[in-house]
Amino acid sequence: DLAGIARFAGNNGLTSIIDNTFPTPVNFRPHEAGFDLVCHSATKALNGHSDIVAGVVTGSAELVEQARSCIKLYGGSLDPHAGYLLARGLKTLALRVRQQNANATATARFLEGHPQIAEVAYPGLESHPDHARAAELFDGFGSMLAFRPADGVEACERLFKRLELPYVAPSLGGVETLITRPATTSHVGMSPEARAAAGIRDDLVRLSLGIEAAEDLIADFDQALVTA
């Protein structure tokens, strides 16, 4: 309940902070929901081309100045060329995110109906338990989805080898489609018990949709799943 969190913070003298990397400002604008500070990994969709490392925080001048002071102490600074690349990437943000929204929705629907897929998690699907809340909050459902093949980890590995368009890599939000298994990448530092408690099973696959043609992505998954 994001609006409820922002209200609670405001009513209790707290500073509310939210990470909006996955939705991007195209799909969700947390300041409009009452959040004080909004953070993004600009490495991801804001830049969109997987070639810089950067971060962004937005909010009131007073709060942002406090963040700036902290950055000065830690020594973090974006170099001019990375700043240029980020500024250039922002010019196409809306176009890219809308295409990613459409690609993720189409791919999620295809996977949900495939007999070799056991489960799909994407808030744009009506079957998702938080679909109604996501539809109320967001202008689009984003580029990120997760799924589990019916035949476990071995099926994941076979699928990765058969796919031709997605890159096997753990980042997200770029123009290219990326696929990874969080248990071996982003969440490898967690114990198996902690991953299980968080719902991150060994056969969970994370997919970050790029801007390729949706029909090409679906055709690629279709051929890869034939022998997966």
Protein backbone atom coordinates (compact mmCIF):
# COMPACT_ATOMS: atom_id res chain seq x y z
CA ASP A 1 0.00 0.00 0.00
CA LEU A 2 2.41 2.68 -1.23
CA ALA A 3 0.12 5.66 -0.68
CA GLY A 4 -0.58 4.36 2.84
CA ILE A 5 3.15 4.12 3.57
CA ALA A 6 3.69 7.71 2.42
CA ARG A 7 0.77 8.92 4.58
CA PHE A 8 2.07 7.03 7.61
CA ALA A 9 5.50 8.60 7.20
CA GLY A 10 4.05 12.09 6.83
CA ASN A 11 1.78 11.70 9.85
CA ASN A 12 4.67 10.51 12.04
CA GLY A 13 7.42 12.93 11.08
CA LEU A 14 9.33 10.36 9.02
CA THR A 15 11.10 10.82 5.71
CA SER A 16 9.69 8.37 3.17
CA ILE A 17 12.11 6.91 0.62
CA ILE A 18 11.27 4.56 -2.24
CA ASP A 19 13.28 2.79 -4.93
CA ASN A 20 11.50 3.35 -8.26
CA THR A 21 14.06 1.61 -10.49
CA PHE A 22 11.72 -1.10 -11.78
CA PRO A 23 8.64 1.02 -12.64
CA THR A 24 10.62 4.10 -13.83
CA PRO A 25 8.91 7.53 -13.84
CA VAL A 26 7.05 6.48 -16.98
CA ASN A 27 5.00 3.90 -15.07
CA PHE A 28 4.95 5.39 -11.56
CA ARG A 29 5.79 8.78 -10.06
CA PRO A 30 6.15 8.30 -6.28
CA HIS A 31 6.29 12.02 -5.47
CA GLU A 32 2.69 12.23 -6.67
CA ALA A 33 1.85 9.48 -4.14
CA GLY A 34 3.43 11.50 -1.34
CA PHE A 35 6.97 10.11 -1.07
CA ASP A 36 9.71 12.49 0.02
CA LEU A 37 12.70 10.94 -1.75
CA VAL A 38 12.79 8.73 -4.83
CA CYS A 39 15.86 6.67 -5.75
CA HIS A 40 16.76 5.02 -9.04
CA SER A 41 19.56 2.82 -10.19
CA ALA A 42 20.22 4.93 -13.29
CA THR A 43 22.42 2.07 -14.49
CA LYS A 44 19.16 0.42 -15.53
CA ALA A 45 16.25 1.90 -17.50
CA LEU A 46 17.05 5.59 -17.09
CA ASN A 47 20.23 5.08 -19.10
CA GLY A 48 18.82 2.09 -20.95
CA HIS A 49 21.92 0.90 -22.80
CA SER A 50 23.82 -1.11 -20.14
CA ASP A 51 27.00 0.95 -20.42
CA ILE A 52 27.23 3.09 -17.27
CA VAL A 53 26.93 2.78 -13.49
CA ALA A 54 24.96 5.63 -11.91
CA GLY A 55 22.34 6.50 -9.31
CA VAL A 56 19.74 9.21 -8.88
CA VAL A 57 17.85 10.65 -5.92
CA THR A 58 15.07 13.22 -6.34
CA GLY A 59 13.08 15.26 -3.84
CA SER A 60 12.95 18.65 -2.18
CA ALA A 61 16.02 20.87 -2.35
CA GLU A 62 16.54 20.49 1.40
CA LEU A 63 16.50 16.69 1.39
CA VAL A 64 18.52 16.36 -1.80
CA GLU A 65 21.18 18.66 -0.33
CA GLN A 66 21.50 16.29 2.63
CA ALA A 67 22.01 13.42 0.19
CA ARG A 68 24.53 15.50 -1.76
CA SER A 69 26.51 16.17 1.42
CA CYS A 70 26.64 12.44 2.13
CA ILE A 71 27.86 11.74 -1.42
CA LYS A 72 30.64 14.31 -0.98
CA LEU A 73 31.83 12.56 2.17
CA TYR A 74 31.88 9.16 0.48
CA GLY A 75 33.53 10.52 -2.65
CA GLY A 76 31.02 9.28 -5.22
CA SER A 77 30.88 11.34 -8.40
CA LEU A 78 29.58 10.64 -11.89
CA ASP A 79 32.20 11.35 -14.55
CA PRO A 80 31.24 13.73 -17.39
CA HIS A 81 31.02 11.08 -20.10
CA ALA A 82 28.73 8.86 -18.01
CA GLY A 83 26.62 11.94 -17.28
CA TYR A 84 26.36 12.60 -21.01
CA LEU A 85 25.34 9.00 -21.72
CA LEU A 86 22.68 9.15 -19.00
CA ALA A 87 21.30 12.44 -20.31
CA ARG A 88 21.16 10.97 -23.81
CA GLY A 89 19.44 7.81 -22.60
CA LEU A 90 16.75 9.80 -20.80
CA LYS A 91 15.61 11.26 -24.12
CA THR A 92 14.25 7.87 -25.21
CA LEU A 93 13.08 6.63 -21.80
CA ALA A 94 9.35 6.89 -22.48
CA LEU A 95 9.57 5.15 -25.85
CA ARG A 96 11.71 2.34 -24.47
CA VAL A 97 9.62 1.72 -21.36
CA ARG A 98 6.34 1.61 -23.27
CA GLN A 99 7.79 -0.98 -25.65
CA GLN A 100 9.14 -2.95 -22.69
CA ASN A 101 5.73 -2.83 -21.01
CA ALA A 102 4.12 -4.25 -24.14
CA ASN A 103 6.82 -6.90 -24.61
CA ALA A 104 6.61 -8.06 -21.01
CA THR A 105 2.82 -8.31 -21.10
CA ALA A 106 2.84 -10.28 -24.35
CA THR A 107 5.64 -12.59 -23.19
CA ALA A 108 4.03 -13.16 -19.79
CA ARG A 109 0.74 -14.13 -21.42
CA PHE A 110 2.54 -16.53 -23.76
CA LEU A 111 4.49 -18.17 -20.94
CA GLU A 112 1.42 -18.41 -18.72
CA GLY A 113 -0.32 -20.48 -21.38
CA HIS A 114 2.65 -22.74 -22.19
CA PRO A 115 2.46 -26.34 -20.89
CA GLN A 116 6.16 -26.41 -19.98
CA ILE A 117 5.88 -23.39 -17.68
CA ALA A 118 4.70 -24.06 -14.13
CA GLU A 119 4.29 -20.49 -12.89
CA VAL A 120 4.56 -16.89 -14.13
CA ALA A 121 4.80 -13.82 -11.88
CA TYR A 122 3.95 -10.54 -13.59
CA PRO A 123 1.62 -7.89 -12.15
CA GLY A 124 0.15 -7.24 -15.59
CA LEU A 125 -1.46 -10.67 -15.57
CA GLU A 126 -4.97 -10.89 -14.14
CA SER A 127 -3.88 -14.03 -12.31
CA HIS A 128 -1.31 -12.08 -10.24
CA PRO A 129 -2.56 -11.56 -6.66
CA ASP A 130 -1.64 -7.86 -6.75
CA HIS A 131 -2.90 -7.14 -10.26
CA ALA A 132 -5.70 -4.83 -9.13
CA ARG A 133 -3.39 -2.77 -6.92
CA ALA A 134 -0.75 -2.55 -9.65
CA ALA A 135 -3.36 -1.46 -12.18
CA GLU A 136 -4.46 1.30 -9.81
CA LEU A 137 -0.92 2.53 -9.11
CA PHE A 138 0.91 2.16 -12.39
CA ASP A 139 0.54 3.46 -15.94
CA GLY A 140 2.30 0.30 -17.17
CA PHE A 141 3.36 -2.96 -15.58
CA GLY A 142 7.07 -2.76 -16.35
CA SER A 143 9.73 -4.84 -18.07
CA MET A 144 10.37 -7.41 -15.34
CA LEU A 145 8.77 -10.82 -14.94
CA ALA A 146 9.69 -14.15 -13.38
CA PHE A 147 8.71 -17.70 -14.20
CA ARG A 148 9.45 -21.32 -13.31
CA PRO A 149 9.74 -24.12 -15.87
CA ALA A 150 7.73 -27.24 -15.10
CA ASP A 151 10.83 -29.46 -14.99
CA GLY A 152 13.05 -27.58 -12.56
CA VAL A 153 16.63 -26.33 -12.72
CA GLU A 154 17.73 -28.60 -15.55
CA ALA A 155 14.94 -27.19 -17.71
CA CYS A 156 16.18 -23.67 -16.90
CA GLU A 157 19.68 -24.50 -18.13
CA ARG A 158 18.40 -26.14 -21.30
CA LEU A 159 16.21 -23.13 -21.97
CA PHE A 160 19.12 -20.71 -21.53
CA LYS A 161 21.18 -22.68 -24.06
CA ARG A 162 18.38 -22.80 -26.62
CA LEU A 163 17.33 -19.13 -26.51
CA GLU A 164 18.85 -16.97 -29.25
CA LEU A 165 17.67 -13.42 -28.47
CA PRO A 166 17.97 -12.93 -24.68
CA TYR A 167 21.42 -12.52 -23.16
CA VAL A 168 22.14 -14.56 -20.03
CA ALA A 169 23.09 -11.72 -17.65
CA PRO A 170 21.83 -10.37 -14.30
CA SER A 171 21.21 -6.68 -15.08
CA LEU A 172 17.88 -5.20 -16.19
CA GLY A 173 16.14 -2.29 -17.87
CA GLY A 174 18.26 -2.08 -21.03
CA VAL A 175 17.30 -2.21 -24.68
CA GLU A 176 18.28 -5.88 -24.80
CA THR A 177 16.33 -8.72 -23.20
CA LEU A 178 18.24 -10.34 -20.32
CA ILE A 179 17.55 -13.63 -18.59
CA THR A 180 19.06 -14.98 -15.38
CA ARG A 181 18.51 -17.35 -12.49
CA PRO A 182 18.58 -15.23 -9.28
CA ALA A 183 19.69 -18.16 -7.11
CA THR A 184 23.01 -18.16 -8.98
CA THR A 185 23.41 -14.39 -9.57
CA SER A 186 21.63 -11.56 -7.75
CA HIS A 187 20.74 -13.64 -4.67
CA VAL A 188 23.64 -16.09 -4.58
CA GLY A 189 24.89 -14.49 -1.35
CA MET A 190 21.77 -15.54 0.54
CA SER A 191 21.50 -18.92 2.20
CA PRO A 192 19.19 -21.47 0.55
CA GLU A 193 16.86 -21.12 3.54
CA ALA A 194 16.69 -17.32 3.21
CA ARG A 195 16.04 -17.58 -0.53
CA ALA A 196 13.29 -20.12 0.06
CA ALA A 197 11.67 -17.84 2.65
CA ALA A 198 11.71 -15.02 0.09
CA GLY A 199 10.16 -17.22 -2.58
CA ILE A 200 13.36 -17.37 -4.65
CA ARG A 201 13.49 -21.01 -5.65
CA ASP A 202 16.46 -22.52 -7.45
CA ASP A 203 14.38 -22.89 -10.63
CA LEU A 204 13.10 -19.28 -10.60
CA VAL A 205 13.99 -17.42 -13.80
CA ARG A 206 14.06 -13.61 -14.00
CA LEU A 207 13.44 -11.97 -17.36
CA SER A 208 14.07 -8.31 -18.19
CA LEU A 209 12.36 -7.50 -21.47
CA GLY A 210 14.10 -5.23 -23.95
CA ILE A 211 12.72 -3.41 -26.98
CA GLU A 212 12.92 -6.20 -29.55
CA ALA A 213 9.80 -7.12 -31.52
CA ALA A 214 7.43 -9.01 -29.23
CA GLU A 215 6.67 -11.58 -31.92
CA ASP A 216 10.39 -12.36 -32.27
CA LEU A 217 10.79 -12.84 -28.52
CA ILE A 218 7.76 -15.10 -28.32
CA ALA A 219 8.91 -17.14 -31.33
CA ASP A 220 12.31 -17.56 -29.69
CA PHE A 221 10.79 -18.82 -26.44
CA ASP A 222 8.45 -21.06 -28.41
CA GLN A 223 11.32 -22.80 -30.21
CA ALA A 224 13.48 -22.96 -27.07
CA LEU A 225 10.73 -24.55 -24.99
CA VAL A 226 10.09 -27.29 -27.56
CA THR A 227 13.17 -29.13 -26.34
CA ALA A 228 13.46 -27.51 -22.91
